[in-house]
Amino acid sequence: MDNLANDLKYCIAYSGVEVCSPLEWGEILSSKIDNIAVSGNICIGTKLSLYRFLLLRLLRLRALRLNNMVVVWGVIAGRDVLNCREIILVNLSDNDWLKLYARKLPRLLALPLSEPLRVLVFMFIGISGIFINLTSAQAIYALLAKYGYIASPIASTTGFETSVLWNFILHEKITFKGTGLEKHLKGVLTRLVKYHLASIGSWITQVTMATLLPLLLRTPFWLAQLVGIILGFAVNFILGYIYTWSMHRVKRVW
């Protein structure tokens, strides 16, 4: 790390003393200092999960001290951070981490990195949608198989649409609850349209695989549909997560 004098780039006056932090942590310091009884030789820090610890190191975010899964990022100005009498630990919200990561990364990337639990929920719901997709697609295919080649694209599209609606409802109610989404009908319908647009690539992939693989490779319909789902999953994740539900947070100015 740089020496302490070079690291302390952001300072604010509070309770008659000056509290400082590296520049990256400045806005976080401003939002957390009101909850801290600042007196004597204290440092301010946060206990890290392994995930947060690794990201802090990978992004090379400056800190006053980083050891034992605790990052020290604030100190009374002029004090020796290595000899703090006490380290006051404060919790950082996902939004705090977003502000921090956005110092080093584009917000489109910083946002999902700042909220790993939400990303896991998003992916889990997406995986559940795979089973909804396959089940409904296979059921429709079984009904239409006697009509020849048109069965595959129709069944594939039905499976796709069923999973899109399933995923959309769960993301609205669970994944992105509490993120400031507009709740009126127009806002919901706008997101539904955006989610369909974000999923077009996935739909094309699914229908193509479900139609061509059985013809060319004699692949069972359900397996061809699964291949299409997997190929379209990554793009669908990126566009769905950011474009449909999170663009208002990416654009938010703080």
Protein backbone atom coordinates (compact mmCIF):
# COMPACT_ATOMS: atom_id res chain seq x y z
CA MET A 1 0.00 0.00 0.00
CA ASP A 2 0.98 3.60 -0.36
CA ASN A 3 1.99 5.42 2.81
CA LEU A 4 -0.81 6.76 4.98
CA ALA A 5 -0.38 10.40 3.98
CA ASN A 6 -0.89 9.53 0.33
CA ASP A 7 -3.87 7.27 1.02
CA LEU A 8 -5.89 9.88 2.94
CA LYS A 9 -7.42 11.91 0.13
CA TYR A 10 -10.95 12.55 1.47
CA CYS A 11 -11.63 14.19 4.83
CA ILE A 12 -14.73 15.56 6.55
CA ALA A 13 -15.16 17.40 9.84
CA TYR A 14 -17.39 15.65 12.36
CA SER A 15 -17.84 16.07 16.12
CA GLY A 16 -14.95 18.47 16.29
CA VAL A 17 -12.45 16.14 14.60
CA GLU A 18 -11.42 15.41 11.05
CA VAL A 19 -12.15 11.92 9.74
CA CYS A 20 -10.37 10.78 6.59
CA SER A 21 -10.38 7.89 4.13
CA PRO A 22 -8.93 6.98 0.73
CA LEU A 23 -10.79 8.78 -2.05
CA GLU A 24 -12.64 5.64 -3.22
CA TRP A 25 -14.36 5.38 0.17
CA GLY A 26 -15.26 9.06 0.45
CA GLU A 27 -18.99 8.90 -0.27
CA ILE A 28 -19.35 5.84 1.92
CA LEU A 29 -17.61 7.68 4.77
CA SER A 30 -20.03 10.59 4.38
CA SER A 31 -23.05 8.30 4.65
CA LYS A 32 -21.79 6.25 7.61
CA ILE A 33 -20.14 8.81 9.87
CA ASP A 34 -23.41 10.02 11.42
CA ASN A 35 -23.89 6.62 13.03
CA ILE A 36 -20.46 6.55 14.65
CA ALA A 37 -19.43 8.06 17.98
CA VAL A 38 -16.16 9.63 16.86
CA SER A 39 -13.74 10.17 19.71
CA GLY A 40 -10.15 9.32 20.45
CA ASN A 41 -7.94 7.22 18.26
CA ILE A 42 -10.53 5.13 16.40
CA CYS A 43 -10.58 3.55 12.98
CA ILE A 44 -13.59 2.68 10.86
CA GLY A 45 -13.76 -0.64 9.10
CA THR A 46 -15.94 -3.37 7.65
CA LYS A 47 -15.81 -7.13 8.08
CA LEU A 48 -15.59 -8.82 4.71
CA SER A 49 -16.94 -12.03 3.27
CA LEU A 50 -14.47 -14.03 1.20
CA TYR A 51 -16.23 -12.76 -1.94
CA ARG A 52 -15.86 -9.10 -0.92
CA PHE A 53 -12.28 -9.67 0.17
CA LEU A 54 -11.27 -11.19 -3.17
CA LEU A 55 -12.99 -8.42 -5.15
CA LEU A 56 -11.28 -5.76 -3.09
CA ARG A 57 -7.91 -7.29 -3.92
CA LEU A 58 -8.71 -7.95 -7.59
CA LEU A 59 -9.94 -4.40 -8.17
CA ARG A 60 -6.95 -2.99 -6.28
CA LEU A 61 -9.14 -0.71 -4.21
CA ARG A 62 -7.02 1.22 -1.75
CA ALA A 63 -7.58 0.72 1.95
CA LEU A 64 -5.76 1.86 5.07
CA ARG A 65 -5.41 -1.67 6.33
CA LEU A 66 -6.63 -5.04 5.14
CA ASN A 67 -6.12 -8.15 7.21
CA ASN A 68 -8.07 -10.89 8.98
CA MET A 69 -10.99 -10.27 6.59
CA VAL A 70 -11.43 -6.74 7.94
CA VAL A 71 -10.83 -3.66 5.80
CA VAL A 72 -10.00 -0.43 7.63
CA TRP A 73 -11.01 2.52 5.46
CA GLY A 74 -11.48 5.47 7.82
CA VAL A 75 -9.42 7.06 10.58
CA ILE A 76 -9.17 10.21 12.67
CA ALA A 77 -6.88 12.52 10.69
CA GLY A 78 -3.33 12.56 11.94
CA ARG A 79 -3.65 9.25 13.79
CA ASP A 80 -1.63 6.13 13.15
CA VAL A 81 -3.93 3.63 11.47
CA LEU A 82 -1.67 0.78 12.54
CA ASN A 83 -2.21 1.58 16.20
CA CYS A 84 -5.91 2.26 16.46
CA ARG A 85 -7.25 1.90 19.97
CA GLU A 86 -10.49 0.61 18.51
CA ILE A 87 -11.86 -0.39 15.11
CA ILE A 88 -15.54 0.44 14.78
CA LEU A 89 -17.11 -2.00 12.32
CA VAL A 90 -19.96 -0.77 10.12
CA ASN A 91 -22.01 -2.73 7.62
CA LEU A 92 -22.05 -1.66 3.99
CA SER A 93 -25.17 -2.06 1.86
CA ASP A 94 -25.20 -3.36 -1.71
CA ASN A 95 -25.52 0.26 -2.83
CA ASP A 96 -22.40 1.18 -0.85
CA TRP A 97 -20.47 -1.59 -2.59
CA LEU A 98 -21.83 -0.42 -5.93
CA LYS A 99 -20.45 3.07 -5.32
CA LEU A 100 -17.11 1.56 -4.41
CA TYR A 101 -16.85 -0.86 -7.35
CA ALA A 102 -18.02 1.85 -9.78
CA ARG A 103 -14.77 3.68 -9.00
CA LYS A 104 -12.95 0.95 -10.88
CA LEU A 105 -15.52 -0.60 -13.22
CA PRO A 106 -18.33 0.46 -15.58
CA ARG A 107 -21.61 0.50 -13.70
CA LEU A 108 -23.03 -2.21 -15.98
CA LEU A 109 -20.45 -4.55 -14.50
CA ALA A 110 -20.22 -3.04 -11.03
CA LEU A 111 -23.96 -3.48 -10.36
CA PRO A 112 -24.21 -7.30 -10.50
CA LEU A 113 -20.86 -7.62 -8.70
CA SER A 114 -22.19 -5.45 -5.87
CA GLU A 115 -25.19 -7.70 -5.19
CA PRO A 116 -24.15 -11.36 -5.50
CA LEU A 117 -27.20 -12.65 -3.63
CA ARG A 118 -29.56 -11.00 -6.12
CA VAL A 119 -27.54 -12.48 -8.99
CA LEU A 120 -27.82 -15.95 -7.44
CA VAL A 121 -31.59 -15.56 -7.05
CA PHE A 122 -31.83 -14.36 -10.67
CA MET A 123 -29.88 -17.39 -11.88
CA PHE A 124 -31.84 -19.82 -9.69
CA ILE A 125 -35.14 -18.53 -11.09
CA GLY A 126 -33.66 -18.76 -14.59
CA ILE A 127 -32.74 -22.39 -13.95
CA SER A 128 -36.25 -23.11 -12.67
CA GLY A 129 -37.51 -21.61 -15.93
CA ILE A 130 -35.54 -24.23 -17.86
CA PHE A 131 -37.69 -26.98 -16.33
CA ILE A 132 -40.88 -24.99 -17.00
CA ASN A 133 -39.72 -24.50 -20.59
CA LEU A 134 -38.88 -28.14 -21.20
CA THR A 135 -42.04 -29.46 -19.55
CA SER A 136 -44.44 -27.23 -21.48
CA ALA A 137 -42.52 -27.62 -24.76
CA GLN A 138 -42.50 -31.40 -24.49
CA ALA A 139 -46.21 -31.48 -23.66
CA ILE A 140 -47.11 -29.38 -26.71
CA TYR A 141 -44.74 -31.39 -28.91
CA ALA A 142 -46.45 -34.61 -27.86
CA LEU A 143 -49.82 -33.13 -28.89
CA LEU A 144 -48.56 -31.83 -32.25
CA ALA A 145 -46.07 -34.53 -33.26
CA LYS A 146 -48.54 -36.05 -35.71
CA TYR A 147 -48.55 -32.81 -37.73
CA GLY A 148 -44.92 -33.20 -38.77
CA TYR A 149 -42.24 -30.54 -38.90
CA ILE A 150 -44.38 -27.68 -37.61
CA ALA A 151 -44.59 -29.38 -34.21
CA SER A 152 -41.04 -28.48 -33.21
CA PRO A 153 -41.08 -24.68 -33.74
CA ILE A 154 -44.56 -24.32 -32.24
CA ALA A 155 -43.70 -26.43 -29.19
CA SER A 156 -40.37 -24.68 -28.77
CA THR A 157 -41.99 -21.23 -28.92
CA THR A 158 -44.64 -22.31 -26.40
CA GLY A 159 -41.96 -23.52 -24.01
CA PHE A 160 -40.04 -20.28 -24.45
CA GLU A 161 -43.06 -18.06 -23.80
CA THR A 162 -44.14 -20.08 -20.76
CA SER A 163 -40.69 -19.78 -19.18
CA VAL A 164 -40.46 -16.06 -19.99
CA LEU A 165 -43.75 -15.39 -18.17
CA TRP A 166 -42.71 -17.64 -15.28
CA ASN A 167 -39.34 -15.91 -14.90
CA PHE A 168 -40.86 -12.46 -15.27
CA ILE A 169 -43.40 -12.95 -12.49
CA LEU A 170 -40.81 -14.34 -10.06
CA HIS A 171 -38.25 -11.64 -10.85
CA GLU A 172 -40.90 -8.97 -10.27
CA LYS A 173 -42.03 -10.48 -6.97
CA ILE A 174 -38.72 -11.76 -5.60
CA THR A 175 -35.49 -10.90 -7.39
CA PHE A 176 -35.93 -7.16 -7.91
CA LYS A 177 -38.31 -6.42 -5.05
CA GLY A 178 -37.27 -3.22 -3.29
CA THR A 179 -35.15 -1.83 -6.14
CA GLY A 180 -37.41 1.11 -6.94
CA LEU A 181 -39.35 -0.44 -9.81
CA GLU A 182 -42.45 1.37 -11.02
CA LYS A 183 -45.44 -0.62 -9.76
CA HIS A 184 -48.23 0.81 -11.93
CA LEU A 185 -49.54 -1.20 -14.88
CA LYS A 186 -47.64 0.80 -17.50
CA GLY A 187 -44.32 0.19 -15.75
CA VAL A 188 -44.98 -3.56 -15.43
CA LEU A 189 -46.04 -3.90 -19.07
CA THR A 190 -43.00 -1.90 -20.21
CA ARG A 191 -40.71 -4.29 -18.37
CA LEU A 192 -42.59 -7.29 -19.79
CA VAL A 193 -42.01 -5.98 -23.33
CA LYS A 194 -38.37 -5.22 -22.56
CA TYR A 195 -37.89 -8.74 -21.16
CA HIS A 196 -39.31 -10.22 -24.35
CA LEU A 197 -36.98 -8.05 -26.41
CA ALA A 198 -34.05 -9.11 -24.23
CA SER A 199 -35.04 -12.75 -24.79
CA ILE A 200 -35.38 -12.65 -28.59
CA GLY A 201 -31.88 -14.06 -29.09
CA SER A 202 -32.66 -16.91 -26.73
CA TRP A 203 -35.95 -17.63 -28.54
CA ILE A 204 -34.24 -17.74 -31.96
CA THR A 205 -31.59 -20.08 -30.59
CA GLN A 206 -34.15 -22.38 -29.01
CA VAL A 207 -36.39 -22.64 -32.06
CA THR A 208 -33.40 -23.17 -34.36
CA MET A 209 -31.90 -25.93 -32.24
CA ALA A 210 -35.26 -27.57 -31.56
CA THR A 211 -36.07 -27.63 -35.27
CA LEU A 212 -32.71 -28.46 -36.86
CA LEU A 213 -31.08 -30.89 -34.42
CA PRO A 214 -33.88 -33.50 -34.66
CA LEU A 215 -33.76 -33.22 -38.46
CA LEU A 216 -29.99 -33.31 -38.89
CA LEU A 217 -28.84 -35.44 -35.94
CA ARG A 218 -31.99 -37.33 -34.96
CA THR A 219 -31.74 -35.66 -31.55
CA PRO A 220 -34.76 -36.07 -29.25
CA PHE A 221 -36.86 -32.92 -29.19
CA TRP A 222 -36.39 -32.28 -25.47
CA LEU A 223 -32.58 -32.49 -25.78
CA ALA A 224 -32.54 -30.14 -28.77
CA GLN A 225 -34.68 -27.66 -26.84
CA LEU A 226 -32.32 -27.92 -23.84
CA VAL A 227 -29.30 -27.18 -26.06
CA GLY A 228 -31.05 -24.08 -27.37
CA ILE A 229 -31.90 -22.92 -23.85
CA ILE A 230 -28.32 -23.30 -22.63
CA LEU A 231 -26.86 -21.47 -25.64
CA GLY A 232 -29.20 -18.54 -25.12
CA PHE A 233 -28.88 -18.38 -21.34
CA ALA A 234 -25.83 -16.09 -21.03
CA VAL A 235 -27.15 -13.37 -23.34
CA ASN A 236 -30.59 -13.63 -21.76
CA PHE A 237 -29.04 -13.21 -18.30
CA ILE A 238 -27.08 -10.08 -19.20
CA LEU A 239 -29.88 -8.35 -21.09
CA GLY A 240 -32.59 -9.41 -18.68
CA TYR A 241 -30.74 -8.43 -15.51
CA ILE A 242 -29.52 -5.05 -16.74
CA TYR A 243 -31.81 -3.95 -19.58
CA THR A 244 -35.14 -5.08 -18.12
CA TRP A 245 -34.83 -4.55 -14.38
CA SER A 246 -31.69 -2.59 -13.51
CA MET A 247 -31.13 0.17 -16.06
CA HIS A 248 -32.79 2.73 -13.76
CA ARG A 249 -30.19 1.86 -11.10
CA VAL A 250 -27.28 1.92 -13.53
CA LYS A 251 -28.29 5.41 -14.66
CA ARG A 252 -28.88 6.66 -11.13
CA VAL A 253 -26.54 9.51 -10.24
CA TRP A 254 -25.08 9.63 -6.76
